[in-house]
Amino acid sequence: MCSSDLDKAIADYTIAIESRQLPTENLAFAYYCRGNAYNNKGEYDKTIADYTQAIESRQLTTENLAFAYDSQIGRASCRERV
């Protein structure tokens, strides 16, 4: 996915999140997906912030939850090495 596609995805998910119209499970997935887009852009602080929102909602599937936790742990350990 090119950067402009990622920027569009982030913008679209942001609109959905800020609309306050999504059911909780969809809101969690929107944060998760926007976090994925940030991750693909290398914006790891924003990735972790969105994954945290998704995780705290307790509405993610087990697979998505595991990926979000794994990504947070991996990013934290990378930062500790720098």
Protein backbone atom coordinates (compact mmCIF):
# COMPACT_ATOMS: atom_id res chain seq x y z
CA MET A 1 0.00 0.00 0.00
CA CYS A 2 1.46 3.37 -0.93
CA SER A 3 1.67 6.30 1.47
CA SER A 4 -1.26 8.19 -0.07
CA ASP A 5 -3.46 5.09 0.34
CA LEU A 6 -2.41 4.84 3.97
CA ASP A 7 -3.13 8.54 4.50
CA LYS A 8 -6.59 8.08 2.98
CA ALA A 9 -7.26 5.04 5.18
CA ILE A 10 -6.16 6.96 8.27
CA ALA A 11 -8.39 9.89 7.33
CA ASP A 12 -11.37 7.61 6.71
CA TYR A 13 -10.93 5.73 9.99
CA THR A 14 -10.50 9.03 11.84
CA ILE A 15 -13.80 10.31 10.44
CA ALA A 16 -15.52 7.09 11.51
CA ILE A 17 -13.98 7.20 14.99
CA GLU A 18 -14.80 10.85 15.54
CA SER A 19 -18.37 10.44 14.29
CA ARG A 20 -19.30 8.78 17.59
CA GLN A 21 -21.82 6.76 15.55
CA LEU A 22 -20.08 3.37 15.63
CA PRO A 23 -21.15 0.52 17.91
CA THR A 24 -18.41 -0.39 20.40
CA GLU A 25 -17.20 -3.44 18.48
CA ASN A 26 -16.92 -1.43 15.24
CA LEU A 27 -15.17 1.42 17.04
CA ALA A 28 -12.60 -1.02 18.41
CA PHE A 29 -12.01 -2.42 14.93
CA ALA A 30 -11.68 1.11 13.47
CA TYR A 31 -8.96 1.91 16.04
CA TYR A 32 -7.29 -1.40 15.25
CA CYS A 33 -7.34 -0.78 11.48
CA ARG A 34 -6.13 2.80 11.82
CA GLY A 35 -3.36 1.46 14.05
CA ASN A 36 -2.40 -0.95 11.27
CA ALA A 37 -2.19 1.94 8.81
CA TYR A 38 -0.01 3.95 11.21
CA ASN A 39 2.15 0.87 11.72
CA ASN A 40 2.65 0.51 7.96
CA LYS A 41 3.75 4.17 7.83
CA GLY A 42 6.21 3.65 10.67
CA GLU A 43 4.30 5.97 13.02
CA TYR A 44 4.68 3.67 15.99
CA ASP A 45 3.54 5.99 18.79
CA LYS A 46 0.24 6.50 16.98
CA THR A 47 0.06 2.75 16.30
CA ILE A 48 0.40 1.97 19.99
CA ALA A 49 -2.15 4.65 20.96
CA ASP A 50 -4.75 3.19 18.58
CA TYR A 51 -4.03 -0.42 19.54
CA THR A 52 -4.37 0.58 23.19
CA GLN A 53 -7.80 2.07 22.50
CA ALA A 54 -8.82 -1.09 20.66
CA ILE A 55 -7.49 -3.39 23.38
CA GLU A 56 -9.14 -1.43 26.19
CA SER A 57 -12.52 -1.72 24.50
CA ARG A 58 -12.36 -5.51 24.96
CA GLN A 59 -14.22 -5.92 21.66
CA LEU A 60 -11.52 -7.29 19.34
CA THR A 61 -11.42 -10.83 18.02
CA THR A 62 -8.80 -13.05 19.64
CA GLU A 63 -6.64 -12.91 16.51
CA ASN A 64 -6.74 -9.11 16.28
CA LEU A 65 -6.15 -8.78 20.00
CA ALA A 66 -3.09 -11.02 19.82
CA PHE A 67 -1.69 -9.01 16.90
CA ALA A 68 -2.24 -5.71 18.71
CA TYR A 69 -0.55 -6.97 21.90
CA ASP A 70 2.32 -8.46 19.91
CA SER A 71 2.82 -5.19 18.03
CA GLN A 72 2.86 -3.20 21.26
CA ILE A 73 5.41 -5.51 22.86
CA GLY A 74 7.60 -5.50 19.76
CA ARG A 75 7.58 -1.71 19.47
CA ALA A 76 8.33 -1.27 23.16
CA SER A 77 11.31 -3.63 23.01
CA CYS A 78 12.61 -1.87 19.87
CA ARG A 79 12.50 1.47 21.64
CA GLU A 80 14.35 0.03 24.65
CA ARG A 81 17.21 -1.04 22.36
CA VAL A 82 17.67 2.45 20.87
